[in-house]
Protein backbone atom coordinates (compact mmCIF):
# COMPACT_ATOMS: atom_id res chain seq x y z
CA MET A 1 39.71 39.43 13.26
CA LYS A 2 40.75 37.07 10.49
CA THR A 3 39.37 34.15 12.46
CA HIS A 4 35.95 35.77 12.76
CA LEU A 5 35.90 36.58 9.06
CA PHE A 6 36.71 32.96 8.23
CA LEU A 7 33.87 31.66 10.39
CA LEU A 8 31.41 34.06 8.84
CA ALA A 9 32.53 32.99 5.41
CA ILE A 10 31.94 29.28 5.99
CA LEU A 11 28.73 29.65 8.01
CA PRO A 12 26.40 29.87 4.95
CA PHE A 13 28.10 26.80 3.50
CA MET A 14 27.57 24.87 6.73
CA ILE A 15 23.92 25.84 6.85
CA SER A 16 23.33 24.89 3.22
CA CYS A 17 24.80 21.42 3.83
CA THR A 18 22.58 20.68 6.82
CA LYS A 19 20.22 17.84 5.89
CA PRO A 20 16.53 18.39 6.62
CA GLU A 21 15.12 16.15 9.34
CA LYS A 22 13.21 13.08 8.28
CA ILE A 23 9.47 13.12 8.83
CA ASP A 24 8.36 11.01 11.80
CA LEU A 25 4.95 9.73 10.74
CA SER A 26 3.99 8.95 14.33
CA LYS A 27 4.19 12.63 15.22
CA LEU A 28 2.01 14.00 12.43
CA LYS A 29 -1.30 15.59 13.42
CA LEU A 30 -2.60 14.35 10.06
CA ASP A 31 -3.96 17.70 8.99
CA GLU A 32 -0.74 18.86 7.33
CA PRO A 33 -0.70 20.21 3.76
CA LEU A 34 0.21 17.34 1.44
CA VAL A 35 2.99 19.39 -0.15
CA ASN A 36 4.72 19.55 3.27
CA VAL A 37 4.90 15.78 3.76
CA VAL A 38 5.99 14.60 0.30
CA HIS A 39 9.19 15.10 -1.66
CA PHE A 40 9.19 15.50 -5.42
CA ASN A 41 12.57 13.78 -5.72
CA ASP A 42 10.68 10.59 -4.72
CA SER A 43 8.53 8.69 -7.22
CA LEU A 44 5.27 10.29 -6.11
CA LEU A 45 2.01 8.79 -7.37
CA VAL A 46 -1.39 10.40 -6.81
CA GLY A 47 -4.80 8.93 -7.62
CA ILE A 48 -7.32 6.18 -6.86
CA GLU A 49 -6.38 2.87 -5.25
CA THR A 50 -9.42 0.78 -4.29
CA VAL A 51 -7.34 -2.13 -3.01
CA GLU A 52 -6.61 0.08 -0.02
CA TYR A 53 -9.62 2.30 0.47
CA PRO A 54 -11.96 3.40 -2.29
CA PHE A 55 -13.50 6.60 -0.94
CA CYS A 56 -10.51 8.94 -0.80
CA LEU A 57 -7.51 10.05 -2.84
CA PHE A 58 -4.03 8.59 -2.34
CA ALA A 59 -0.53 10.02 -2.53
CA GLU A 60 1.91 7.13 -2.59
CA VAL A 61 5.70 6.83 -2.35
CA GLU A 62 7.83 3.71 -2.14
CA ARG A 63 11.33 3.26 -0.71
CA SER A 64 11.65 6.91 0.19
CA GLN A 65 14.53 7.93 2.46
CA GLU A 66 12.45 10.66 4.12
CA TYR A 67 10.26 8.83 6.68
CA THR A 68 10.57 7.21 10.09
CA PHE A 69 8.14 5.96 12.74
CA GLU A 70 9.19 6.70 16.33
CA GLY A 71 12.76 6.71 15.04
CA ILE A 72 12.37 3.44 13.09
CA ASP A 73 13.66 3.70 9.53
CA LEU A 74 10.99 3.25 6.83
CA SER A 75 13.18 3.57 3.74
CA LYS A 76 12.15 0.12 2.45
CA GLN A 77 8.41 0.59 2.95
CA LYS A 78 5.55 1.96 0.88
CA ILE A 79 3.91 5.03 2.41
CA MET A 80 0.38 6.13 1.43
CA PHE A 81 -1.19 9.42 2.48
CA GLN A 82 -4.98 9.73 2.45
CA ILE A 83 -6.64 12.92 1.18
CA ASN A 84 -10.33 13.69 1.45
CA SER A 85 -12.17 13.95 -1.87
CA GLU A 86 -15.93 14.39 -1.80
CA LYS A 87 -15.97 13.51 -5.50
CA LEU A 88 -14.78 9.98 -4.71
CA LYS A 89 -17.51 9.15 -2.20
CA THR A 90 -19.30 7.04 -4.76
CA ASP A 91 -19.61 3.29 -5.16
CA SER A 92 -18.81 3.49 -8.88
CA ILE A 93 -15.07 3.23 -8.09
CA SER A 94 -15.42 0.47 -5.53
CA ARG A 95 -17.11 -2.11 -7.75
CA PHE A 96 -14.08 -3.14 -9.82
CA GLY A 97 -13.63 -6.30 -7.78
CA GLY A 98 -11.52 -4.34 -5.28
CA ALA A 99 -8.61 -3.76 -7.61
CA HIS A 100 -9.11 -0.51 -9.48
CA ILE A 101 -5.86 1.48 -9.60
CA ASP A 102 -5.52 4.83 -11.33
CA LEU A 103 -2.33 6.50 -10.05
CA LYS A 104 -0.35 9.11 -11.95
CA PHE A 105 3.22 10.36 -11.46
CA VAL A 106 3.44 13.86 -10.01
CA LYS A 107 6.75 15.68 -10.52
CA ASN A 108 6.23 19.13 -9.00
CA LYS A 109 3.92 21.35 -6.97
CA ASN A 110 1.99 22.58 -10.01
CA GLU A 111 1.21 19.02 -11.14
CA LEU A 112 0.19 18.12 -7.60
CA THR A 113 -2.18 21.09 -7.36
CA SER A 114 -3.69 20.24 -10.76
CA ASN A 115 -4.20 16.60 -9.79
CA LEU A 116 -5.88 17.46 -6.50
CA ARG A 117 -8.15 19.94 -8.25
CA SER A 118 -9.22 17.32 -10.80
CA PHE A 119 -10.60 15.20 -7.94
CA ASP A 120 -12.07 18.15 -6.01
CA ALA A 121 -9.73 17.02 -3.25
CA GLU A 122 -8.44 18.90 -0.22
CA ASP A 123 -4.80 20.00 -0.17
CA LYS A 124 -4.14 18.45 3.24
CA ILE A 125 -3.88 14.87 4.46
CA TYR A 126 -6.08 13.15 7.03
CA GLY A 127 -4.36 9.76 7.22
CA VAL A 128 -1.28 7.68 6.51
CA ARG A 129 -0.85 3.98 5.74
CA ILE A 130 2.43 2.08 5.99
CA ALA A 131 2.92 -1.22 4.18
CA ILE A 132 4.98 -3.52 6.43
CA GLU A 133 5.90 -7.05 5.36
CA ASP A 134 8.94 -7.74 7.58
CA PRO A 135 7.78 -9.59 10.76
CA SER A 136 10.56 -8.06 12.85
CA LEU A 137 9.63 -4.58 11.72
CA LYS A 138 5.97 -5.24 12.57
CA SER A 139 7.01 -6.35 16.04
CA GLU A 140 9.26 -3.33 16.53
CA ILE A 141 6.55 -0.86 15.48
CA LEU A 142 3.90 -2.59 17.60
CA LYS A 143 6.12 -2.26 20.69
CA LYS A 144 6.42 1.48 20.06
CA ILE A 145 2.63 1.86 19.71
CA LYS A 146 1.88 -0.16 22.86
CA LEU A 147 4.48 1.79 24.84
CA LYS A 148 2.74 5.04 23.89
CA TYR A 149 -0.95 4.07 23.78
CA GLY A 150 -1.35 0.81 25.70
CA LYS A 151 -2.18 -2.72 24.60
CA GLY A 152 -5.04 -1.76 22.24
CA THR A 153 -8.32 -3.49 21.42
CA LYS A 154 -8.53 -6.82 19.58
CA ASN A 155 -9.97 -6.54 16.08
CA PRO A 156 -12.69 -9.24 15.97
CA ASN A 157 -12.49 -9.43 12.16
CA THR A 158 -8.84 -10.53 11.87
CA ASP A 159 -6.56 -13.02 13.59
CA ASN A 160 -3.98 -10.59 14.94
CA GLY A 161 -5.36 -7.11 14.33
CA LEU A 162 -5.47 -4.41 17.02
CA TYR A 163 -6.82 -0.88 17.11
CA TRP A 164 -6.65 2.22 19.30
CA ASN A 165 -9.24 5.01 19.55
CA VAL A 166 -7.02 7.85 20.81
CA LYS A 167 -9.63 10.48 21.65
CA LYS A 168 -7.24 13.07 23.10
CA GLU A 169 -5.36 13.17 19.78
CA ASN A 170 -8.40 12.68 17.53
CA LYS A 171 -6.75 9.58 16.06
CA TYR A 172 -7.63 6.06 15.06
CA ILE A 173 -4.73 3.62 14.87
CA PHE A 174 -5.26 0.28 13.11
CA PHE A 175 -2.53 -2.36 13.26
CA ALA A 176 -3.37 -5.06 10.70
CA PRO A 177 -0.35 -7.41 10.57
CA ASP A 178 -2.28 -10.13 8.74
CA TYR A 179 -2.51 -7.70 5.82
CA ASP A 180 0.85 -5.94 6.33
CA ARG A 181 -0.64 -2.57 7.24
CA LEU A 182 -0.40 0.13 9.87
CA ILE A 183 -3.09 2.81 9.39
CA ILE A 184 -3.35 6.07 11.32
CA LEU A 185 -6.22 8.49 10.73
CA ASN A 186 -7.28 11.88 12.00
CA ASN A 187 -10.89 11.10 12.94
CA THR A 188 -12.03 14.71 13.36
CA ASN A 189 -14.27 14.45 10.30
CA LEU A 190 -14.82 10.68 10.42
CA SER A 191 -17.54 8.64 12.09
CA LYS A 192 -17.04 8.27 15.84
CA THR A 193 -19.04 5.01 15.95
CA CYS A 194 -18.00 3.01 12.85
CA TYR A 195 -14.98 2.29 10.71
CA TRP A 196 -14.50 0.09 7.67
CA ASP A 197 -11.74 -0.74 5.24
CA ILE A 198 -10.85 -3.89 3.34
CA PHE A 199 -8.01 -4.85 5.76
CA ASN A 200 -9.83 -4.24 9.04
CA GLY A 201 -13.45 -5.04 8.23
CA LEU A 202 -16.27 -3.15 9.95
CA LEU A 203 -15.47 -2.00 13.48
CA ASP A 204 -18.11 -0.82 15.94
CA PHE A 205 -16.82 1.73 18.46
CA GLY A 206 -20.23 1.78 20.15
CA GLY A 207 -23.62 2.55 18.61
CA CYS A 208 -22.57 1.92 15.01
CA ASP A 209 -25.41 2.13 12.48
CA ASN A 210 -23.82 0.06 9.73
CA LYS A 211 -26.32 0.94 6.99
CA LYS A 212 -26.21 4.67 7.70
CA TYR A 213 -22.41 4.62 7.86
CA MET A 214 -21.95 2.75 4.58
CA ASN A 215 -24.48 5.02 2.86
CA GLY A 216 -22.42 7.97 4.05
CA LEU A 217 -19.28 6.57 2.42
CA VAL A 218 -21.03 6.54 -0.96
CA LYS A 219 -23.27 9.56 -0.42
CA ASN A 220 -22.45 11.02 -3.84
CA SER A 221 -23.52 7.93 -5.78
CA THR A 222 -26.14 8.44 -8.44
CA LYS A 223 -29.28 6.39 -7.87
CA PRO A 224 -29.83 4.10 -10.88
CA GLU A 225 -33.38 5.34 -11.33
CA ASP A 226 -32.07 8.91 -11.67
CA VAL A 227 -29.51 8.13 -14.39
CA LYS A 228 -30.16 9.85 -17.72
CA ASN A 229 -29.13 9.10 -21.32
CA LYS A 230 -28.64 5.39 -20.65
CA PRO A 231 -26.35 3.73 -23.22
CA VAL A 232 -27.94 1.08 -25.45
CA VAL A 233 -26.08 -2.21 -24.99
CA LYS A 234 -26.57 -5.42 -26.98
CA ILE A 235 -24.77 -8.61 -25.93
CA ASP A 236 -24.53 -11.31 -28.60
CA LYS A 237 -24.37 -15.08 -28.08
CA ASN A 238 -20.55 -14.91 -27.80
CA TRP A 239 -20.76 -12.19 -25.13
CA ASN A 240 -19.49 -9.50 -27.51
CA LEU A 241 -20.86 -6.05 -26.76
CA ASN A 242 -22.30 -3.91 -29.60
CA ASN A 243 -20.31 -5.91 -32.19
CA LEU A 244 -17.01 -5.24 -30.40
CA ALA A 245 -15.23 -8.58 -30.03
CA THR A 246 -13.13 -9.23 -26.95
CA GLY A 247 -9.55 -10.04 -27.94
CA LYS A 248 -10.07 -8.92 -31.54
CA SER A 249 -11.55 -5.43 -31.79
CA THR A 250 -9.01 -2.63 -31.42
CA GLU A 251 -9.03 0.67 -29.60
CA GLU A 252 -9.56 2.32 -32.97
CA ASP A 253 -12.62 0.10 -33.61
CA PHE A 254 -14.02 1.15 -30.25
CA LEU A 255 -13.52 4.87 -30.94
CA LYS A 256 -15.32 4.57 -34.27
CA SER A 257 -18.32 2.85 -32.68
CA PRO A 258 -21.34 4.61 -31.12
CA ALA A 259 -20.48 2.76 -27.89
CA SER A 260 -17.53 5.08 -27.24
CA LYS A 261 -19.67 8.12 -26.51
CA ASN A 262 -19.06 9.79 -23.10
CA PHE A 263 -16.01 7.66 -22.22
CA GLU A 264 -12.81 9.03 -20.69
CA ARG A 265 -9.45 7.43 -21.57
CA ILE A 266 -7.25 6.46 -18.61
CA GLU A 267 -3.72 5.03 -18.84
CA GLU A 268 -2.77 2.74 -15.97
CA ILE A 269 0.97 2.93 -15.30
CA ASN A 270 3.17 0.45 -13.44
CA GLY A 271 4.58 2.47 -10.55
CA SER A 272 7.94 0.66 -10.47
CA SER A 273 8.70 0.31 -14.18
CA GLY A 274 6.80 3.29 -15.59
CA GLU A 275 5.35 1.04 -18.29
CA MET A 276 1.69 1.19 -19.31
CA ASN A 277 -0.22 -1.74 -17.79
CA GLN A 278 -3.48 -1.24 -19.61
CA ILE A 279 -5.80 1.37 -21.06
CA VAL A 280 -9.24 1.92 -19.56
CA TYR A 281 -12.15 3.79 -21.08
CA GLN A 282 -14.54 4.72 -18.32
CA ASP A 283 -18.04 6.14 -18.18
CA GLU A 284 -18.34 6.51 -14.41
CA TYR A 285 -21.80 8.02 -14.58
CA HIS A 286 -23.17 4.81 -16.12
CA ASP A 287 -20.74 2.42 -14.35
CA PHE A 288 -19.53 1.25 -17.77
CA TYR A 289 -15.89 0.34 -18.53
CA PHE A 290 -13.77 -1.07 -21.37
CA TYR A 291 -10.27 -2.48 -20.82
CA PHE A 292 -7.57 -2.64 -23.49
CA THR A 293 -4.18 -4.29 -23.65
CA ALA A 294 -1.41 -1.77 -24.27
CA ASN A 295 0.88 -2.72 -27.14
CA PRO A 296 4.34 -2.99 -25.48
CA LYS A 297 6.19 -1.53 -28.47
CA ASN A 298 3.83 1.36 -29.11
CA PRO A 299 1.02 1.77 -26.54
CA HIS A 300 -0.25 4.86 -28.35
CA ASN A 301 -0.97 2.90 -31.54
CA LYS A 302 -4.75 2.59 -31.33
CA LYS A 303 -4.76 -0.02 -34.09
CA ALA A 304 -2.59 -2.34 -31.99
CA ASN A 305 -4.34 -2.06 -28.60
CA ARG A 306 -7.09 -4.68 -28.29
CA ILE A 307 -10.14 -5.04 -26.06
CA LYS A 308 -9.40 -7.46 -23.25
CA GLY A 309 -12.66 -7.02 -21.37
CA TYR A 310 -15.51 -4.83 -20.27
CA SER A 311 -17.67 -4.34 -17.20
CA LEU A 312 -21.20 -3.17 -16.56
CA ASN A 313 -21.38 -2.69 -12.81
CA ASP A 314 -25.05 -1.71 -12.62
CA LEU A 315 -27.39 -2.99 -15.33
CA LYS A 316 -30.04 -0.50 -14.23
CA LYS A 317 -27.86 2.30 -15.62
CA VAL A 318 -27.92 0.98 -19.21
CA LYS A 319 -30.55 -0.25 -21.67
CA ILE A 320 -29.35 -3.81 -22.15
CA SER A 321 -30.54 -6.79 -24.16
CA PHE A 322 -29.08 -10.29 -24.57
CA GLU A 323 -29.19 -12.56 -27.60
CA ASN A 324 -29.38 -15.54 -25.24
CA ARG A 325 -32.54 -14.14 -23.56
CA LEU A 326 -30.98 -13.17 -20.24
CA LYS A 327 -32.58 -10.08 -18.72
CA ALA A 328 -31.44 -7.48 -16.21
CA GLY A 329 -33.13 -8.21 -12.87
CA MET A 330 -33.63 -11.90 -13.69
CA LYS A 331 -33.59 -14.25 -10.69
CA PHE A 332 -30.47 -16.32 -10.12
CA ASP A 333 -32.26 -19.67 -10.50
CA GLU A 334 -34.00 -18.57 -13.68
CA ALA A 335 -30.74 -17.37 -15.21
CA LEU A 336 -29.01 -20.62 -14.31
CA LYS A 337 -31.77 -22.72 -15.89
CA LEU A 338 -31.65 -20.62 -19.03
CA LEU A 339 -27.88 -20.91 -19.32
CA ASP A 340 -27.99 -24.67 -18.74
CA LYS A 341 -30.29 -25.01 -21.73
CA ARG A 342 -28.20 -22.88 -24.03
CA THR A 343 -25.08 -24.01 -25.86
CA ILE A 344 -23.67 -20.56 -25.13
CA ALA A 345 -22.82 -21.70 -21.59
CA LYS A 346 -20.23 -24.26 -22.61
CA THR A 347 -18.68 -24.33 -19.17
CA ILE A 348 -19.91 -22.91 -15.87
CA LYS A 349 -16.61 -22.59 -14.06
CA ASN A 350 -17.91 -22.18 -10.51
CA GLU A 351 -20.48 -24.97 -10.78
CA GLY A 352 -19.54 -26.41 -7.38
CA GLU A 353 -20.15 -23.05 -5.67
CA LEU A 354 -23.58 -22.24 -7.09
CA SER A 355 -25.46 -23.33 -3.97
CA PHE A 356 -23.98 -20.43 -1.99
CA ALA A 357 -22.54 -18.02 -4.60
CA ASN A 358 -24.15 -14.83 -5.91
CA TYR A 359 -22.37 -15.02 -9.25
CA ILE A 360 -22.03 -17.31 -12.24
CA ILE A 361 -18.69 -17.59 -14.03
CA ILE A 362 -18.85 -18.86 -17.62
CA LYS A 363 -15.75 -20.00 -19.49
CA ASN A 364 -15.88 -18.60 -23.02
CA GLY A 365 -12.77 -19.51 -24.99
CA LEU A 366 -9.82 -17.58 -23.57
CA TYR A 367 -12.13 -15.34 -21.55
CA GLU A 368 -14.43 -15.58 -18.56
CA VAL A 369 -17.84 -13.99 -18.24
CA SER A 370 -18.97 -13.20 -14.69
CA LEU A 371 -22.66 -12.57 -14.08
CA VAL A 372 -23.23 -10.84 -10.73
CA PHE A 373 -26.43 -11.02 -8.67
CA ASP A 374 -27.34 -8.57 -5.88
CA GLU A 375 -28.36 -9.25 -2.27
CA ASN A 376 -31.79 -10.33 -3.53
CA LEU A 377 -30.15 -12.66 -6.08
CA LEU A 378 -31.32 -10.56 -9.03
CA PHE A 379 -29.06 -10.15 -12.08
CA SER A 380 -27.40 -6.78 -11.46
CA GLY A 381 -24.02 -6.60 -13.19
CA MET A 382 -21.47 -8.38 -15.35
CA PHE A 383 -17.90 -8.27 -16.55
CA VAL A 384 -15.79 -10.05 -19.13
CA LYS A 385 -12.05 -10.51 -18.72
């Protein structure tokens, strides 16, 4: 009797010490609630990451102890879960030169729910991406995939890329070793004929209508002709915008100016150090952005944070004028002739590329001014950095 009592006494202790099983990413259906596949004891970041894929939300963890792939340990890898967000199907976030990152730390379920709600995002995942740099790990994972799904199809856009269209599981699998990525998606609500991301290029599964597909990715974009309350923008001969000088004017100067109307302040945080990388003021509706350095000693001191650049991604969405007589919609050749005649263009940095480029880069002191021209070589956007 004493023996039985002893066993009953230690049973709860034994159960409480049992470690939960690690999550095998290869076995996910990729429709699981996000809260069930992340751990708040990890450094969990949620937000926008256009380097990876600009039309969805990301939940990202790095060096977590909680994940495997077909039994292979992933504790040294970065894991990124994809979450559908209709709000993010707009090209305004994809025209930052492919490097717009706005990820925020999430510490608990309430913060996660609030963050998802702010993006009108679903609470479940539809994909996972694994960053893999180690060649031996790539080889090991590829063997597991081939053993389960066969040799795959060669990706014509990359040197060593492969992909699998696993119809019985409603999955796409993209192995992109040239870019250190394994990507697995639940394709239930995705196109069955096309796929695109920056690491795989455009893939045609049969009958792909490229234009229709790409328009679908940015279906919530506002047409420039429908934009209202366009900001008035004046660019002086030194490329300063509305009397705000790059490298000199402060965050406080910006907030006092009429140019700051309708902007949202975003703090970009370094995921590994927790330090503030930069401060961005964004007016997504007008594709208009200001970038500020964050003072390392006191990033909240608006008198110490200075403008380090700005971008106007679609000149049709603002009322813009130039002191040097450039005009929105001007032809590439006309703009180049005008700049050649003006002392303002002291140095055209990409002069050797102008015969095939759709942009002009002008060296202006410590900064560069990039003038962007669309597919018809008409002046369509610009940024200073």
